Amino acid sequence: MNNFSQLHLLSGLALVCIFAVAAPLTVNAQSRCGTIGATQAMVGDFSKMNWQAEHLSRTDVMKLSRHVAEVRSSGILPQLSRLGLTAEKRTVEQLLNEAMEASQRSVIRRPETLQALLRSVERIIAKVCHQKDLYPSKKTLASEASGKAGVFHLDDYLLESGTFLRITLLLAFLSALIGSIFVVRNTYIRIYALVHSRKSCRIKAHLDFGNGLIDGQIIILGKNGCRFEPQDSLVLGELPKSIGSSDPLVVVMECKIPLRLNGISENYVSIFFKTPISSFVLRTLLESSTIPPRYVKKDIMKSNIKALSTA
């Protein structure tokens, strides 16, 4: 698998992890907003009523009675308790009491109080649903509820931006993880190339399987093996028939190095030496290269000899 394929694989894995974590958070936020729906409807209808009328219309009275019942059965009050929003729960209860009284008396007796309650409940709705507040900041609301004006509440901030923060942290973590994987991998293959002196080159050589020589050149050479490119790539198709011949050799200059085939591709043969060559021999061979030798990273093909020999 090349680096491009690995990058796509890791990117796909990162997206899967992001969706796996983000989806439950989104569903959690939606479930909280679901309990708010009845409260939103009551606030909306309450705001549209004629507060200056001597008596509320029969339709408005019926609406208020229905809204009170729906809000109490919606689960919003237990939800606020679970979120630790005790002051906000009391505010919603006060609004329910005002709505109940207005429906029973067919009149809004304290419009200023009701107006303040409606604004507070709208802020609570925005807070629970993680929506942007259209009114003064939630820090102010939390400060008013606790009686400590101007005090910043960390838990309130985290409640507002929890989903965003978690997804941001997840993205940062995955980015760091993917980056570290590539850094470690590239560092390893470069260190491998340095330790084993693995270099690109062009050195005239032959493969000897005991039944004739295969002419070609070594294109990568290291202490543990080489990559051999034949002059005629057609011989690669016949090479599996030579597997099993006694004492196959790589013949380079005056050196005859026992080999073990690792793999055969369309253009070259991957070879391991049965015994690593010395640094002196490696340096001597590289001096005969027709191009300047350069370090190359570890890129050894997967062995396919067994599959080819049984095909």
Protein backbone atom coordinates (compact mmCIF):
# COMPACT_ATOMS: atom_id res chain seq x y z
CA MET A 1 0.00 0.00 0.00
CA ASN A 2 1.54 3.34 -1.04
CA ASN A 3 1.58 6.55 0.98
CA PHE A 4 -1.34 8.01 -1.00
CA SER A 5 -3.55 5.01 -0.23
CA GLN A 6 -2.53 5.07 3.42
CA LEU A 7 -3.39 8.77 3.64
CA HIS A 8 -6.90 8.11 2.23
CA LEU A 9 -7.36 5.18 4.60
CA LEU A 10 -6.42 7.22 7.65
CA SER A 11 -8.52 10.18 6.50
CA GLY A 12 -11.52 7.87 6.08
CA LEU A 13 -10.93 6.45 9.53
CA ALA A 14 -10.77 9.95 10.97
CA LEU A 15 -14.11 10.87 9.36
CA VAL A 16 -15.74 7.71 10.70
CA CYS A 17 -14.51 8.54 14.21
CA ILE A 18 -15.73 12.13 13.91
CA PHE A 19 -19.22 11.07 12.82
CA ALA A 20 -19.29 8.35 15.49
CA VAL A 21 -18.64 10.89 18.24
CA ALA A 22 -20.46 13.87 16.74
CA ALA A 23 -23.70 12.01 15.96
CA PRO A 24 -24.53 11.12 19.59
CA LEU A 25 -23.73 14.69 20.63
CA THR A 26 -26.07 16.05 17.95
CA VAL A 27 -28.81 13.63 18.91
CA ASN A 28 -28.32 14.61 22.55
CA ALA A 29 -28.78 18.29 21.70
CA GLN A 30 -31.85 17.50 19.60
CA SER A 31 -33.37 15.48 22.44
CA ARG A 32 -32.96 18.43 24.78
CA CYS A 33 -34.60 20.76 22.23
CA GLY A 34 -37.43 18.26 21.85
CA THR A 35 -38.49 18.82 25.46
CA ILE A 36 -38.41 22.57 24.85
CA GLY A 37 -40.96 22.58 22.01
CA ALA A 38 -44.05 22.97 24.20
CA THR A 39 -42.39 25.79 26.15
CA GLN A 40 -41.49 27.58 22.91
CA ALA A 41 -45.08 27.34 21.71
CA MET A 42 -46.41 28.78 24.98
CA VAL A 43 -43.93 31.68 24.91
CA GLY A 44 -44.86 32.42 21.28
CA ASP A 45 -48.61 32.45 21.88
CA PHE A 46 -48.29 34.37 25.14
CA SER A 47 -46.30 37.11 23.36
CA LYS A 48 -49.00 37.52 20.67
CA MET A 49 -51.88 38.02 23.10
CA ASN A 50 -53.46 41.42 23.69
CA TRP A 51 -52.17 42.25 27.16
CA GLN A 52 -54.04 45.58 27.27
CA ALA A 53 -57.48 44.01 26.84
CA GLU A 54 -59.77 44.02 29.85
CA HIS A 55 -60.23 40.26 29.46
CA LEU A 56 -58.50 37.60 27.42
CA SER A 57 -60.51 36.00 24.65
CA ARG A 58 -61.91 32.52 25.15
CA THR A 59 -59.50 31.23 22.50
CA ASP A 60 -56.50 32.67 24.37
CA VAL A 61 -57.71 31.19 27.66
CA MET A 62 -58.04 27.75 26.07
CA LYS A 63 -54.59 28.09 24.52
CA LEU A 64 -53.00 28.94 27.85
CA SER A 65 -54.69 26.02 29.61
CA ARG A 66 -53.52 23.66 26.89
CA HIS A 67 -49.95 25.06 26.94
CA VAL A 68 -49.66 24.68 30.70
CA ALA A 69 -50.67 21.02 30.48
CA GLU A 70 -48.33 20.35 27.56
CA VAL A 71 -45.32 22.03 29.19
CA ARG A 72 -45.80 20.12 32.44
CA SER A 73 -46.03 16.82 30.54
CA SER A 74 -43.15 17.59 28.16
CA GLY A 75 -40.45 16.76 30.69
CA ILE A 76 -38.76 20.16 30.51
CA LEU A 77 -38.73 20.62 34.29
CA PRO A 78 -36.99 17.26 35.03
CA GLN A 79 -34.64 17.99 32.11
CA LEU A 80 -33.58 21.30 33.66
CA SER A 81 -33.02 19.54 36.97
CA ARG A 82 -30.77 16.94 35.32
CA LEU A 83 -28.76 19.72 33.68
CA GLY A 84 -28.29 21.39 37.06
CA LEU A 85 -30.25 24.48 35.98
CA THR A 86 -32.19 24.92 39.23
CA ALA A 87 -32.73 28.69 38.86
CA GLU A 88 -33.91 28.24 35.27
CA LYS A 89 -36.34 25.55 36.39
CA ARG A 90 -37.86 27.98 38.92
CA THR A 91 -38.23 30.60 36.18
CA VAL A 92 -40.17 28.19 33.96
CA GLU A 93 -42.37 27.23 36.92
CA GLN A 94 -43.09 30.92 37.59
CA LEU A 95 -44.13 31.36 33.96
CA LEU A 96 -46.43 28.34 34.25
CA ASN A 97 -48.02 29.85 37.36
CA GLU A 98 -48.58 33.16 35.55
CA ALA A 99 -50.11 31.31 32.59
CA MET A 100 -52.37 29.27 34.88
CA GLU A 101 -53.54 32.38 36.72
CA ALA A 102 -54.19 34.22 33.45
CA SER A 103 -56.23 31.31 32.09
CA GLN A 104 -58.28 31.10 35.30
CA ARG A 105 -58.91 34.85 35.65
CA SER A 106 -59.00 35.63 31.89
CA VAL A 107 -56.73 38.58 32.51
CA ILE A 108 -53.00 39.35 32.73
CA ARG A 109 -52.58 41.06 36.08
CA ARG A 110 -48.81 41.70 36.08
CA PRO A 111 -47.66 42.45 32.48
CA GLU A 112 -44.22 43.73 33.56
CA THR A 113 -43.50 40.53 35.48
CA LEU A 114 -44.79 38.41 32.62
CA GLN A 115 -42.63 40.29 30.10
CA ALA A 116 -39.50 39.65 32.19
CA LEU A 117 -40.38 35.98 32.59
CA LEU A 118 -40.91 35.53 28.85
CA ARG A 119 -37.51 37.05 28.07
CA SER A 120 -35.85 34.85 30.68
CA VAL A 121 -37.51 31.69 29.37
CA GLU A 122 -36.45 32.55 25.82
CA ARG A 123 -32.86 32.76 27.06
CA ILE A 124 -33.28 29.39 28.78
CA ILE A 125 -34.57 27.86 25.54
CA ALA A 126 -31.51 29.16 23.69
CA LYS A 127 -29.22 27.84 26.42
CA VAL A 128 -30.66 24.32 26.50
CA CYS A 129 -30.66 24.02 22.70
CA HIS A 130 -27.16 25.52 22.34
CA GLN A 131 -28.55 28.31 20.21
CA LYS A 132 -27.35 31.86 20.01
CA ASP A 133 -29.09 34.07 22.58
CA LEU A 134 -30.93 37.01 21.10
CA TYR A 135 -30.95 38.78 24.46
CA PRO A 136 -28.23 39.70 26.99
CA SER A 137 -25.52 37.10 27.51
CA LYS A 138 -26.11 33.87 29.35
CA LYS A 139 -23.31 34.79 31.75
CA THR A 140 -25.49 37.69 32.86
CA LEU A 141 -28.49 35.37 33.24
CA ALA A 142 -26.46 32.91 35.32
CA SER A 143 -25.12 35.76 37.41
CA GLU A 144 -28.62 37.11 38.03
CA ALA A 145 -29.90 33.67 38.98
CA SER A 146 -27.08 33.15 41.49
CA GLY A 147 -27.11 36.71 42.77
CA LYS A 148 -23.48 37.23 41.71
CA ALA A 149 -23.52 39.78 38.91
CA GLY A 150 -20.49 39.74 36.63
CA VAL A 151 -19.25 36.30 37.76
CA PHE A 152 -18.26 33.95 34.94
CA HIS A 153 -19.69 30.42 35.28
CA LEU A 154 -17.56 27.78 33.56
CA ASP A 155 -20.30 25.12 33.66
CA ASP A 156 -22.69 27.52 31.90
CA TYR A 157 -20.11 28.20 29.19
CA LEU A 158 -19.45 24.50 28.67
CA LEU A 159 -23.18 23.83 28.43
CA GLU A 160 -23.51 26.42 25.66
CA SER A 161 -20.55 25.25 23.57
CA GLY A 162 -20.04 21.66 24.70
CA THR A 163 -20.75 20.03 21.34
CA PHE A 164 -18.51 22.45 19.44
CA LEU A 165 -15.70 22.09 21.95
CA ARG A 166 -15.83 18.30 21.92
CA ILE A 167 -15.82 18.07 18.13
CA THR A 168 -12.98 20.61 17.95
CA LEU A 169 -10.95 18.66 20.47
CA LEU A 170 -11.68 15.43 18.61
CA LEU A 171 -10.52 16.94 15.31
CA ALA A 172 -7.35 18.24 16.97
CA PHE A 173 -6.66 14.85 18.53
CA LEU A 174 -7.21 12.95 15.27
CA SER A 175 -5.07 15.43 13.33
CA ALA A 176 -2.26 15.03 15.85
CA LEU A 177 -2.64 11.23 15.78
CA ILE A 178 -2.54 11.01 11.98
CA GLY A 179 0.37 13.43 11.84
CA SER A 180 2.33 11.47 14.43
CA ILE A 181 1.70 8.20 12.55
CA PHE A 182 3.16 9.62 9.36
CA VAL A 183 6.08 11.24 11.18
CA VAL A 184 6.95 8.01 13.00
CA ARG A 185 6.58 5.93 9.83
CA ASN A 186 8.68 8.26 7.66
CA THR A 187 11.30 8.52 10.39
CA TYR A 188 11.47 4.72 10.61
CA ILE A 189 11.88 4.13 6.87
CA ARG A 190 14.54 6.83 6.62
CA ILE A 191 16.45 5.45 9.58
CA TYR A 192 16.14 1.99 8.00
CA ALA A 193 17.67 3.32 4.78
CA LEU A 194 20.56 4.91 6.69
CA VAL A 195 21.25 1.90 8.91
CA HIS A 196 21.20 -0.56 6.01
CA SER A 197 22.83 1.88 3.56
CA ARG A 198 19.99 1.29 1.09
CA LYS A 199 20.69 3.38 -2.01
CA SER A 200 19.44 3.79 -5.54
CA CYS A 201 22.02 2.96 -8.18
CA ARG A 202 22.63 1.47 -11.63
CA ILE A 203 25.08 -1.43 -11.41
CA LYS A 204 25.51 -4.03 -14.15
CA ALA A 205 24.75 -7.50 -12.73
CA HIS A 206 23.48 -11.00 -13.56
CA LEU A 207 21.23 -13.55 -11.91
CA ASP A 208 22.53 -17.12 -12.01
CA PHE A 209 20.02 -19.93 -11.35
CA GLY A 210 22.35 -22.66 -12.67
CA ASN A 211 20.68 -22.85 -16.07
CA GLY A 212 22.04 -19.67 -17.61
CA LEU A 213 22.54 -16.02 -16.73
CA ILE A 214 19.88 -13.31 -16.72
CA ASP A 215 21.45 -10.00 -17.68
CA GLY A 216 20.30 -6.76 -16.12
CA GLN A 217 21.19 -4.18 -13.51
CA ILE A 218 20.79 -3.55 -9.79
CA ILE A 219 18.66 -0.43 -9.25
CA ILE A 220 18.57 -0.48 -5.42
CA LEU A 221 21.29 -1.97 -3.24
CA GLY A 222 21.64 -2.39 0.51
CA LYS A 223 23.40 -4.66 2.97
CA ASN A 224 20.49 -7.10 3.14
CA GLY A 225 19.40 -7.28 -0.48
CA CYS A 226 18.81 -5.58 -3.77
CA ARG A 227 16.29 -4.85 -6.51
CA PHE A 228 17.27 -6.35 -9.86
CA GLU A 229 15.92 -5.09 -13.18
CA PRO A 230 16.45 -7.49 -16.15
CA GLN A 231 17.33 -6.20 -19.59
CA ASP A 232 14.37 -8.15 -21.00
CA SER A 233 11.31 -7.96 -18.77
CA LEU A 234 9.83 -10.99 -20.56
CA VAL A 235 12.19 -13.28 -18.62
CA LEU A 236 10.31 -12.34 -15.44
CA GLY A 237 7.41 -14.49 -16.59
CA GLU A 238 9.73 -17.51 -16.85
CA LEU A 239 11.57 -16.82 -13.61
CA PRO A 240 9.14 -18.72 -11.31
CA LYS A 241 10.18 -21.92 -13.12
CA SER A 242 13.73 -21.39 -11.84
CA ILE A 243 12.63 -21.19 -8.21
CA GLY A 244 14.11 -24.04 -6.26
CA SER A 245 17.32 -24.22 -8.30
CA SER A 246 20.35 -24.89 -6.17
CA ASP A 247 22.44 -21.97 -4.98
CA PRO A 248 20.99 -19.05 -6.98
CA LEU A 249 23.43 -16.14 -7.12
CA VAL A 250 23.66 -12.43 -7.81
CA VAL A 251 26.81 -11.89 -9.85
CA VAL A 252 28.19 -8.35 -9.56
CA MET A 253 31.67 -7.57 -10.76
CA GLU A 254 33.83 -10.24 -9.05
CA CYS A 255 31.25 -10.93 -6.32
CA LYS A 256 28.91 -13.90 -6.30
CA ILE A 257 26.31 -13.39 -3.58
CA PRO A 258 23.89 -16.21 -2.61
CA LEU A 259 20.34 -14.93 -2.81
CA ARG A 260 16.79 -15.66 -1.73
CA LEU A 261 13.97 -14.44 -3.96
CA ASN A 262 11.45 -12.27 -2.16
CA GLY A 263 9.11 -11.20 -4.93
CA ILE A 264 8.67 -10.74 -8.66
CA SER A 265 6.89 -7.73 -10.14
CA GLU A 266 6.25 -6.66 -13.73
CA ASN A 267 9.56 -4.78 -13.93
CA TYR A 268 11.98 -6.05 -11.32
CA VAL A 269 12.92 -8.82 -8.89
CA SER A 270 13.08 -8.21 -5.13
CA ILE A 271 16.03 -10.11 -3.63
CA PHE A 272 17.35 -10.77 -0.12
CA PHE A 273 20.93 -11.86 0.42
CA LYS A 274 21.28 -15.06 2.44
CA THR A 275 24.08 -13.32 4.34
CA PRO A 276 24.30 -9.50 4.60
CA ILE A 277 27.23 -8.06 2.71
CA SER A 278 29.86 -6.00 4.51
CA SER A 279 30.07 -2.23 4.41
CA PHE A 280 33.30 -2.52 2.39
CA VAL A 281 31.67 -4.70 -0.28
CA LEU A 282 28.63 -2.45 -0.40
CA ARG A 283 30.75 0.67 -0.80
CA THR A 284 32.88 -1.02 -3.52
CA LEU A 285 29.83 -2.07 -5.52
CA LEU A 286 28.20 1.34 -5.24
CA GLU A 287 31.35 2.94 -6.63
CA SER A 288 30.66 1.17 -9.93
CA SER A 289 27.18 2.69 -10.23
CA THR A 290 26.61 4.69 -13.42
CA ILE A 291 24.52 7.23 -11.45
CA PRO A 292 25.31 8.89 -8.11
CA PRO A 293 23.96 6.60 -5.35
CA ARG A 294 21.27 8.19 -3.19
CA TYR A 295 19.55 6.97 -0.04
CA VAL A 296 16.07 5.58 -0.64
CA LYS A 297 13.43 4.86 1.97
CA LYS A 298 12.27 1.38 2.89
CA ASP A 299 9.86 0.16 0.22
CA ILE A 300 10.11 -3.63 0.09
CA MET A 301 7.44 -5.43 -1.89
CA LYS A 302 5.34 -8.10 -0.23
CA SER A 303 6.61 -11.60 -0.90
CA ASN A 304 4.71 -13.42 -3.65
CA ILE A 305 7.09 -16.29 -4.37
CA LYS A 306 4.89 -19.02 -2.86
CA ALA A 307 1.91 -17.88 -4.89
CA LEU A 308 3.92 -17.77 -8.11
CA SER A 309 5.58 -21.14 -7.56
CA THR A 310 2.22 -22.87 -7.01
CA ALA A 311 0.39 -21.06 -9.82
